[in-house]
Protein backbone atom coordinates (compact mmCIF):
# COMPACT_ATOMS: atom_id res chain seq x y z
CA MET A 1 -2.59 11.95 -6.38
CA LEU A 2 -3.64 8.52 -5.22
CA ALA A 3 -0.92 6.48 -3.42
CA ILE A 4 -1.66 2.91 -3.97
CA TYR A 5 0.28 0.85 -0.96
CA THR A 6 0.68 -2.36 -1.21
CA ARG A 7 1.89 -5.04 0.57
CA ILE A 8 2.57 -8.77 1.76
CA SER A 9 3.80 -11.06 4.24
CA LYS A 10 5.47 -13.86 3.72
CA GLU A 11 2.46 -16.19 5.57
CA ASP A 12 0.24 -14.09 3.19
CA ARG A 13 1.83 -15.20 0.06
CA LEU A 14 -0.87 -18.20 -0.16
CA ASP A 15 -4.11 -16.06 -0.30
CA GLU A 16 -4.95 -15.08 -3.82
CA GLY A 17 -7.01 -12.79 -3.06
CA ILE A 18 -4.41 -10.34 -1.54
CA SER A 19 -1.57 -11.01 -3.82
CA LEU A 20 0.55 -7.59 -4.72
CA GLU A 21 -1.12 -7.97 -8.46
CA ASN A 22 -4.69 -7.88 -7.02
CA GLN A 23 -4.10 -5.10 -4.87
CA LYS A 24 -2.66 -2.67 -7.35
CA PHE A 25 -5.44 -3.77 -9.67
CA ARG A 26 -7.65 -2.83 -7.49
CA GLY A 27 -5.81 0.39 -6.35
CA VAL A 28 -5.82 1.20 -10.18
CA GLN A 29 -9.39 0.93 -11.16
CA LEU A 30 -10.14 3.09 -7.95
CA ALA A 31 -7.24 5.92 -9.65
CA THR A 32 -9.18 5.82 -12.91
CA LYS A 33 -12.71 5.47 -11.80
CA LEU A 34 -12.02 9.07 -9.87
CA ASN A 35 -9.57 10.26 -12.46
CA LEU A 36 -6.69 10.78 -10.32
CA LYS A 37 -3.49 10.11 -10.81
CA HIS A 38 -1.56 7.50 -9.37
CA ARG A 39 1.70 6.13 -7.77
CA VAL A 40 2.00 2.55 -6.57
CA TYR A 41 4.19 1.71 -3.27
CA GLU A 42 5.07 -2.09 -2.87
CA GLU A 43 6.47 -3.89 0.28
CA GLU A 44 6.90 -7.56 -0.31
CA GLY A 45 7.72 -10.18 2.56
CA LYS A 46 7.37 -6.99 5.00
CA SER A 47 5.34 -8.24 8.20
CA GLY A 48 2.83 -4.97 9.18
CA SER A 49 4.27 -5.64 12.76
CA LEU A 50 7.60 -3.87 11.95
CA PRO A 51 8.32 -0.10 13.02
CA VAL A 52 8.15 2.24 9.70
CA GLU A 53 12.04 2.53 9.62
CA LYS A 54 12.28 -1.31 8.23
CA ARG A 55 9.53 -0.61 5.63
CA PRO A 56 11.13 1.50 3.50
CA MET A 57 7.90 2.12 1.09
CA LEU A 58 5.39 2.95 3.74
CA LYS A 59 8.03 5.22 5.22
CA GLN A 60 8.07 7.09 1.55
CA LEU A 61 4.14 7.23 1.40
CA PHE A 62 4.38 9.10 4.56
CA ALA A 63 6.99 11.45 3.47
CA ASP A 64 4.89 12.16 -0.11
CA ILE A 65 1.73 12.78 2.28
CA GLU A 66 3.82 14.76 4.30
CA SER A 67 4.74 16.97 1.07
CA LYS A 68 1.69 17.04 -0.18
CA THR A 69 2.50 14.49 -3.41
CA ILE A 70 -0.08 12.36 -2.23
CA THR A 71 -3.42 13.73 -1.33
CA ALA A 72 -5.03 10.31 -1.43
CA VAL A 73 -4.28 7.01 -0.46
CA TYR A 74 -5.72 3.32 -0.99
CA VAL A 75 -5.07 0.06 1.07
CA LEU A 76 -7.07 -2.77 0.35
CA ASN A 77 -7.22 -3.23 4.54
CA GLN A 78 -6.15 -1.60 7.41
CA SER A 79 -4.01 -5.43 7.91
CA ARG A 80 -1.48 -3.70 4.78
CA LEU A 81 -0.82 -1.02 6.35
CA ASP A 82 -0.33 -2.43 10.25
CA ARG A 83 -1.08 -4.99 12.46
CA GLY A 84 -2.67 -4.10 15.80
CA LYS A 85 -1.55 -5.49 18.87
C-alpha cells in the first residue's frame, strides 16, 4: 500500500503548488499509475521542524510502515517530511 503524506505549514498556505489538495492529487495519480491501494496521511499547519511526537499523522505513518501496512511512501518533496537544519 502506498502512503500519501501531505503536509502544509502556515507559511506554505500561499503557495498553490504545494496545497494539500495538489499533494494528494499527485499521490493518487501515482498510486493509480502503479496500481497500488493508497492511504492519505494529512497534516495541516504543522512545521517540518516539529518532533514526530507533535505530528500525529507522521507518527501514525511510521507505525504503519513498521507494521508493514505501508510498503511505499509518496511525498511531494523532502521538505514535507522534515526541515533540515
